[in-house]
Amino acid sequence: MTHHQWKSSCYSSQKIRVLLVILLTIITFCTGCSQQRNQDLNGSSSLPPNYALNQKSQKITIAVISNQASANKLDQLPNLAKYLESNLSHQFEIKVYPDYETVVELLVNEKVQIAYLTSFSYIKAKEKNPNLEPILAPISKKTGRPWHTSIIIANANKIKSIQDLNNKRFGFVSKSSTTGYLIPAIEFFLAREINPEQVFQEVKFLGSHEQAITALISGKVDAVATSLESIEGEKFAQQLQSLMYAKIWESSPSPTDPIVVSTTIQPILVNGIKKVLLDAPKEIISISGVEISGYTIVDDLNYERIRKMQQQLEEINQNQNNSI
């Protein structure tokens, strides 16, 4: 073998060895990545017992609004907590609070980790804390769809059309209600350039959909904004029929109110909560007076329409403040 041939052979051998080392490195790296992905997907065996929260407390607190849950459903809340605990091997506590404003602040400040919110109050909370995400929304038992509509109904003895609303007593649900305030404020009143404070003799915020409908039935107000699902429930359907109410307006469908989680909860547990609630018995998951048939998965994009309406409402309020 000549000197030149020997030198070329050495270079070829070195190149082969280098290529083998690189190839082995790539294989080892890819194998490690694949194993890590499989661990992430297959379970939490490698996670510590307190994986659920990046906080000191291991207990997850779920917030529910007292006006949101019907009286007979409040008794079912401990059963919901037990169901979650038995299926997820984690501690859950469900607390009832008086209003959405309180729950929004608790969720924003990470004092609670999960909350049943309105679409509108979710958007408010998300503005203050971007580490919040909607995960599930209820499916209406009547329509089989994860949406609801806002309506304005009135005592038909006094009001039969939009024109008849002038100088009457009007009731909204609350300033955090989607169907009982935000949607009618934008899609009905703003669209018709009607200022409720100027048109109505009196404007009341009645607290809940049940309280708004009760106020209409008892004659405390002449018309209310509420959700179609609220008047179709067993509690009010017969009473309203005897009252001969008039439906003045109905909105286009909007997504139902979400269950919202803090992203301080590890994704693996969030996915577990989704699955457990999707599979849950209907008598456990239904916490309001509106009958639902289950849940569907949602994300932030589902509530973009509500976000745009909130921005419009803020502009209205800002313009009114500037004119004072």
Protein backbone atom coordinates (compact mmCIF):
# COMPACT_ATOMS: atom_id res chain seq x y z
CA MET A 1 0.00 0.00 0.00
CA THR A 2 1.45 3.38 -0.94
CA HIS A 3 1.76 6.20 1.55
CA HIS A 4 -0.99 8.11 -0.22
CA GLN A 5 -3.39 5.14 -0.12
CA TRP A 6 -2.69 4.54 3.55
CA LYS A 7 -3.39 8.20 4.39
CA SER A 8 -6.70 8.17 2.48
CA SER A 9 -7.74 4.99 4.26
CA CYS A 10 -7.08 6.58 7.66
CA TYR A 11 -9.16 9.63 6.74
CA SER A 12 -12.04 7.40 5.61
CA SER A 13 -11.93 5.43 8.86
CA GLN A 14 -11.99 8.64 10.90
CA LYS A 15 -14.97 9.95 8.95
CA ILE A 16 -16.86 6.72 9.51
CA ARG A 17 -16.17 6.84 13.26
CA VAL A 18 -17.31 10.46 13.48
CA LEU A 19 -20.50 9.68 11.58
CA LEU A 20 -21.20 6.72 13.86
CA VAL A 21 -20.78 8.88 16.97
CA ILE A 22 -23.16 11.52 15.58
CA LEU A 23 -25.70 8.87 14.61
CA LEU A 24 -25.60 7.25 18.06
CA THR A 25 -26.02 10.67 19.71
CA ILE A 26 -29.10 11.44 17.60
CA ILE A 27 -30.65 8.04 18.33
CA THR A 28 -30.06 8.43 22.08
CA PHE A 29 -31.56 11.96 22.10
CA CYS A 30 -34.64 10.92 20.12
CA THR A 31 -35.19 7.89 22.34
CA GLY A 32 -35.08 10.13 25.40
CA CYS A 33 -37.58 12.57 23.88
CA SER A 34 -39.91 9.74 22.90
CA GLN A 35 -39.79 8.27 26.40
CA GLN A 36 -40.50 11.69 27.92
CA ARG A 37 -43.52 12.24 25.63
CA ASN A 38 -44.84 8.80 26.48
CA GLN A 39 -44.49 9.52 30.20
CA ASP A 40 -46.36 12.82 29.76
CA LEU A 41 -49.20 11.12 27.88
CA ASN A 42 -49.45 7.87 29.80
CA GLY A 43 -49.84 9.15 33.30
CA SER A 44 -48.42 10.83 36.36
CA SER A 45 -46.36 7.96 37.80
CA SER A 46 -43.20 10.06 37.68
CA LEU A 47 -44.82 13.11 39.27
CA PRO A 48 -44.67 13.86 43.00
CA PRO A 49 -47.85 13.48 45.12
CA ASN A 50 -48.47 17.25 45.18
CA TYR A 51 -48.16 17.69 41.41
CA ALA A 52 -51.59 19.30 41.07
CA LEU A 53 -50.70 22.81 42.16
CA ASN A 54 -47.66 25.02 41.99
CA GLN A 55 -48.81 26.34 45.36
CA LYS A 56 -48.40 25.32 48.99
CA SER A 57 -51.92 23.96 49.31
CA GLN A 58 -52.71 20.62 47.72
CA LYS A 59 -56.47 21.12 48.00
CA ILE A 60 -58.20 22.51 44.93
CA THR A 61 -61.00 24.97 45.66
CA ILE A 62 -63.95 25.21 43.28
CA ALA A 63 -66.09 28.36 43.44
CA VAL A 64 -69.82 28.37 42.77
CA ILE A 65 -72.16 31.37 42.96
CA SER A 66 -75.12 31.04 45.33
CA ASN A 67 -77.51 32.61 42.79
CA GLN A 68 -76.12 30.36 40.07
CA ALA A 69 -77.05 27.12 41.82
CA SER A 70 -80.70 26.36 42.50
CA ALA A 71 -81.54 25.58 46.13
CA ASN A 72 -82.01 21.86 45.60
CA LYS A 73 -78.77 21.63 43.62
CA LEU A 74 -76.67 23.17 46.42
CA ASP A 75 -77.17 19.97 48.40
CA GLN A 76 -75.54 18.03 45.55
CA LEU A 77 -72.24 19.96 45.68
CA PRO A 78 -70.59 17.69 48.30
CA ASN A 79 -71.39 14.73 46.02
CA LEU A 80 -69.62 16.48 43.16
CA ALA A 81 -66.52 17.01 45.33
CA LYS A 82 -66.53 13.35 46.40
CA TYR A 83 -66.93 12.23 42.79
CA LEU A 84 -63.90 14.28 41.71
CA GLU A 85 -61.82 13.06 44.65
CA SER A 86 -62.62 9.40 44.06
CA ASN A 87 -61.76 9.59 40.37
CA LEU A 88 -58.72 11.86 40.55
CA SER A 89 -57.17 10.91 43.92
CA HIS A 90 -56.96 14.56 44.87
CA GLN A 91 -58.64 16.77 47.44
CA PHE A 92 -61.40 19.08 46.21
CA GLU A 93 -63.42 21.63 48.13
CA ILE A 94 -66.48 23.41 46.73
CA LYS A 95 -67.29 26.81 48.22
CA VAL A 96 -70.38 28.90 47.57
CA TYR A 97 -69.94 32.67 47.21
CA PRO A 98 -72.54 35.47 47.03
CA ASP A 99 -71.69 36.99 43.64
CA TYR A 100 -69.55 36.78 40.52
CA GLU A 101 -67.48 39.83 41.44
CA THR A 102 -66.20 38.06 44.55
CA VAL A 103 -65.34 34.90 42.64
CA VAL A 104 -63.59 36.80 39.85
CA GLU A 105 -61.30 38.49 42.39
CA LEU A 106 -60.58 35.19 44.15
CA LEU A 107 -59.79 33.49 40.84
CA VAL A 108 -57.66 36.38 39.60
CA ASN A 109 -55.66 36.34 42.84
CA GLU A 110 -55.42 32.52 42.74
CA LYS A 111 -57.31 32.02 46.01
CA VAL A 112 -59.53 29.54 44.17
CA GLN A 113 -58.40 27.38 41.29
CA ILE A 114 -61.63 26.50 39.48
CA ALA A 115 -64.86 28.48 39.08
CA TYR A 116 -68.25 28.22 37.45
CA LEU A 117 -68.49 31.63 35.76
CA THR A 118 -70.67 33.41 33.26
CA SER A 119 -69.11 34.01 29.86
CA PHE A 120 -69.01 37.72 30.67
CA SER A 121 -67.35 37.29 34.07
CA TYR A 122 -64.79 34.93 32.50
CA ILE A 123 -63.78 37.66 30.05
CA LYS A 124 -63.47 40.13 32.93
CA ALA A 125 -61.32 37.69 34.90
CA LYS A 126 -59.13 36.87 31.89
CA GLU A 127 -58.38 40.57 31.43
CA LYS A 128 -56.98 40.73 34.96
CA ASN A 129 -55.20 37.38 34.94
CA PRO A 130 -54.22 35.81 31.60
CA ASN A 131 -53.45 32.51 33.36
CA LEU A 132 -57.10 31.47 33.22
CA GLU A 133 -58.72 29.18 30.68
CA PRO A 134 -62.26 27.91 30.04
CA ILE A 135 -62.29 24.12 29.76
CA LEU A 136 -65.91 22.96 29.61
CA ALA A 137 -69.34 24.41 28.87
CA PRO A 138 -72.73 22.78 29.52
CA ILE A 139 -74.88 21.35 26.75
CA SER A 140 -78.53 22.37 26.90
CA LYS A 141 -80.79 19.38 27.43
CA LYS A 142 -83.53 21.02 25.36
CA THR A 143 -81.46 21.96 22.30
CA GLY A 144 -78.61 19.46 22.58
CA ARG A 145 -76.23 22.35 21.88
CA PRO A 146 -73.64 24.19 24.02
CA TRP A 147 -75.30 27.56 23.58
CA HIS A 148 -78.05 29.71 24.99
CA THR A 149 -79.96 32.81 23.94
CA SER A 150 -80.88 36.05 25.63
CA ILE A 151 -84.49 37.23 25.59
CA ILE A 152 -86.55 40.17 26.73
CA ILE A 153 -89.96 39.16 28.04
CA ALA A 154 -92.73 41.38 29.33
CA ASN A 155 -96.16 41.35 30.90
CA ALA A 156 -98.38 41.12 27.83
CA ASN A 157 -101.12 43.13 29.54
CA LYS A 158 -98.85 46.18 29.46
CA ILE A 159 -96.30 45.51 26.72
CA LYS A 160 -96.75 43.88 23.35
CA SER A 161 -93.97 45.48 21.29
CA ILE A 162 -90.67 47.32 21.61
CA GLN A 163 -92.45 50.66 21.41
CA ASP A 164 -94.49 49.79 24.51
CA LEU A 165 -91.33 49.57 26.66
CA ASN A 166 -91.15 53.35 26.99
CA ASN A 167 -91.54 54.59 30.58
CA LYS A 168 -91.89 51.07 32.02
CA ARG A 169 -90.00 49.33 34.85
CA PHE A 170 -87.23 47.10 33.52
CA GLY A 171 -85.11 44.41 35.16
CA PHE A 172 -81.68 43.05 34.29
CA VAL A 173 -80.15 40.07 36.09
CA SER A 174 -76.79 41.53 37.18
CA LYS A 175 -73.91 43.47 35.66
CA SER A 176 -71.95 40.20 35.41
CA SER A 177 -74.71 38.33 33.56
CA THR A 178 -74.15 37.48 29.92
CA THR A 179 -77.71 36.75 28.78
CA GLY A 180 -79.30 38.88 31.49
CA TYR A 181 -77.29 42.03 30.82
CA LEU A 182 -74.35 42.12 28.37
CA ILE A 183 -76.00 40.64 25.28
CA PRO A 184 -79.26 42.64 25.51
CA ALA A 185 -77.29 45.79 26.36
CA ILE A 186 -75.32 45.52 23.11
CA GLU A 187 -77.46 43.57 20.65
CA PHE A 188 -80.81 45.07 21.63
CA PHE A 189 -80.42 48.46 23.29
CA LEU A 190 -77.22 49.71 21.61
CA ALA A 191 -78.32 48.36 18.22
CA ARG A 192 -81.49 50.48 18.51
CA GLU A 193 -79.71 53.44 20.11
CA ILE A 194 -81.84 53.07 23.24
CA ASN A 195 -80.46 54.29 26.55
CA PRO A 196 -82.24 52.23 29.26
CA GLU A 197 -81.66 54.90 31.90
CA GLN A 198 -83.48 57.46 29.77
CA VAL A 199 -86.25 55.27 28.33
CA PHE A 200 -87.39 53.35 31.41
CA GLN A 201 -89.16 54.66 34.45
CA GLU A 202 -86.92 52.44 36.58
CA VAL A 203 -84.03 50.00 35.96
CA LYS A 204 -83.33 47.24 38.48
CA PHE A 205 -80.58 44.62 38.80
CA LEU A 206 -82.35 41.69 40.37
CA GLY A 207 -79.48 39.31 41.18
CA SER A 208 -80.26 36.07 39.34
CA HIS A 209 -82.36 34.73 36.48
CA GLU A 210 -84.80 33.20 38.95
CA GLN A 211 -85.14 36.49 40.82
CA ALA A 212 -85.65 38.40 37.57
CA ILE A 213 -88.45 36.09 36.42
CA THR A 214 -90.02 36.11 39.88
CA ALA A 215 -90.00 39.93 39.84
CA LEU A 216 -91.84 39.89 36.50
CA ILE A 217 -94.43 37.38 37.72
CA SER A 218 -95.04 39.31 40.95
CA GLY A 219 -95.40 42.63 39.11
CA LYS A 220 -92.31 44.34 40.55
CA VAL A 221 -91.11 45.02 37.00
CA ASP A 222 -92.87 45.16 33.65
CA ALA A 223 -90.16 43.49 31.56
CA VAL A 224 -86.88 41.63 32.12
CA ALA A 225 -83.81 40.44 30.26
CA THR A 226 -83.03 36.80 30.97
CA SER A 227 -82.13 33.57 29.16
CA LEU A 228 -84.58 31.52 27.13
CA GLU A 229 -83.50 28.40 29.06
CA SER A 230 -84.51 30.01 32.36
CA ILE A 231 -88.13 30.52 31.35
CA GLU A 232 -88.43 27.05 29.82
CA GLY A 233 -87.59 25.22 33.04
CA GLU A 234 -90.30 23.43 35.02
CA LYS A 235 -90.25 26.06 37.76
CA PHE A 236 -91.55 28.96 35.65
CA ALA A 237 -93.02 27.59 32.43
CA GLN A 238 -96.56 27.17 33.81
CA GLN A 239 -96.57 30.44 35.75
CA LEU A 240 -95.43 32.45 32.75
CA GLN A 241 -97.99 30.78 30.53
CA SER A 242 -100.79 31.87 32.85
CA LEU A 243 -99.30 35.38 32.95
CA MET A 244 -99.48 35.54 29.15
CA TYR A 245 -96.03 37.05 28.81
CA ALA A 246 -94.82 38.51 25.52
CA LYS A 247 -91.39 37.74 24.11
CA ILE A 248 -90.22 41.10 22.81
CA TRP A 249 -86.81 40.00 21.50
CA GLU A 250 -84.44 37.03 21.27
CA SER A 251 -80.72 37.10 20.53
CA SER A 252 -78.68 34.84 18.31
CA PRO A 253 -77.10 31.89 20.16
CA SER A 254 -73.99 32.41 22.28
CA PRO A 255 -71.74 29.87 24.03
CA THR A 256 -72.94 28.66 27.41
CA ASP A 257 -71.18 29.70 30.62
CA PRO A 258 -67.82 28.01 31.15
CA ILE A 259 -66.02 26.17 33.89
CA VAL A 260 -62.77 28.12 34.24
CA VAL A 261 -59.46 26.85 35.61
CA SER A 262 -56.26 28.52 36.71
CA THR A 263 -53.21 27.37 34.78
CA THR A 264 -51.43 26.93 38.11
CA ILE A 265 -53.05 23.49 37.94
CA GLN A 266 -50.83 21.09 36.05
CA PRO A 267 -52.13 20.21 32.56
CA ILE A 268 -52.29 16.50 33.40
CA LEU A 269 -54.78 17.20 36.20
CA VAL A 270 -56.78 19.65 34.05
CA ASN A 271 -57.15 16.92 31.44
CA GLY A 272 -58.23 14.54 34.19
CA ILE A 273 -60.88 16.98 35.41
CA LYS A 274 -62.20 17.37 31.85
CA LYS A 275 -62.48 13.63 31.34
CA VAL A 276 -64.10 12.97 34.72
CA LEU A 277 -66.72 15.71 34.22
CA LEU A 278 -67.42 14.63 30.65
CA ASP A 279 -68.15 11.13 31.98
CA ALA A 280 -69.99 12.24 35.13
CA PRO A 281 -73.61 11.29 35.95
CA LYS A 282 -76.01 14.06 34.94
CA GLU A 283 -77.45 14.44 38.45
CA ILE A 284 -74.00 15.37 39.76
CA ILE A 285 -72.86 17.86 37.13
CA SER A 286 -76.05 19.92 36.88
CA ILE A 287 -75.74 22.68 39.50
CA SER A 288 -78.20 25.24 38.15
CA GLY A 289 -81.92 25.28 37.53
CA VAL A 290 -81.31 24.87 33.80
CA GLU A 291 -81.33 21.22 32.71
CA ILE A 292 -78.15 20.08 30.96
CA SER A 293 -77.25 16.82 29.25
CA GLY A 294 -73.50 17.03 29.76
CA TYR A 295 -70.48 19.13 28.85
CA THR A 296 -68.42 19.94 25.79
CA ILE A 297 -64.79 21.07 25.60
CA VAL A 298 -64.26 24.79 24.96
CA ASP A 299 -61.37 27.24 24.80
CA ASP A 300 -60.85 30.99 24.84
CA LEU A 301 -61.69 31.46 21.16
CA ASN A 302 -65.25 30.29 21.80
CA TYR A 303 -65.81 33.49 23.82
CA GLU A 304 -64.36 36.02 21.37
CA ARG A 305 -67.84 37.34 20.53
CA ILE A 306 -68.47 38.01 24.23
CA ARG A 307 -65.09 39.76 24.48
CA LYS A 308 -66.01 42.10 21.62
CA MET A 309 -69.34 42.94 23.26
CA GLN A 310 -67.55 43.68 26.52
CA GLN A 311 -65.27 46.11 24.67
CA GLN A 312 -68.32 47.83 23.20
CA LEU A 313 -69.90 48.11 26.65
CA GLU A 314 -66.71 49.62 28.06
CA GLU A 315 -66.73 52.23 25.28
CA ILE A 316 -70.34 53.12 26.10
CA ASN A 317 -69.56 53.49 29.79
CA GLN A 318 -66.47 55.56 29.02
CA ASN A 319 -68.42 57.90 26.75
CA GLN A 320 -71.13 58.31 29.39
CA ASN A 321 -68.51 59.14 32.03
CA ASN A 322 -66.87 61.68 29.73
CA SER A 323 -70.21 63.39 29.09
CA ILE A 324 -70.87 63.90 32.81
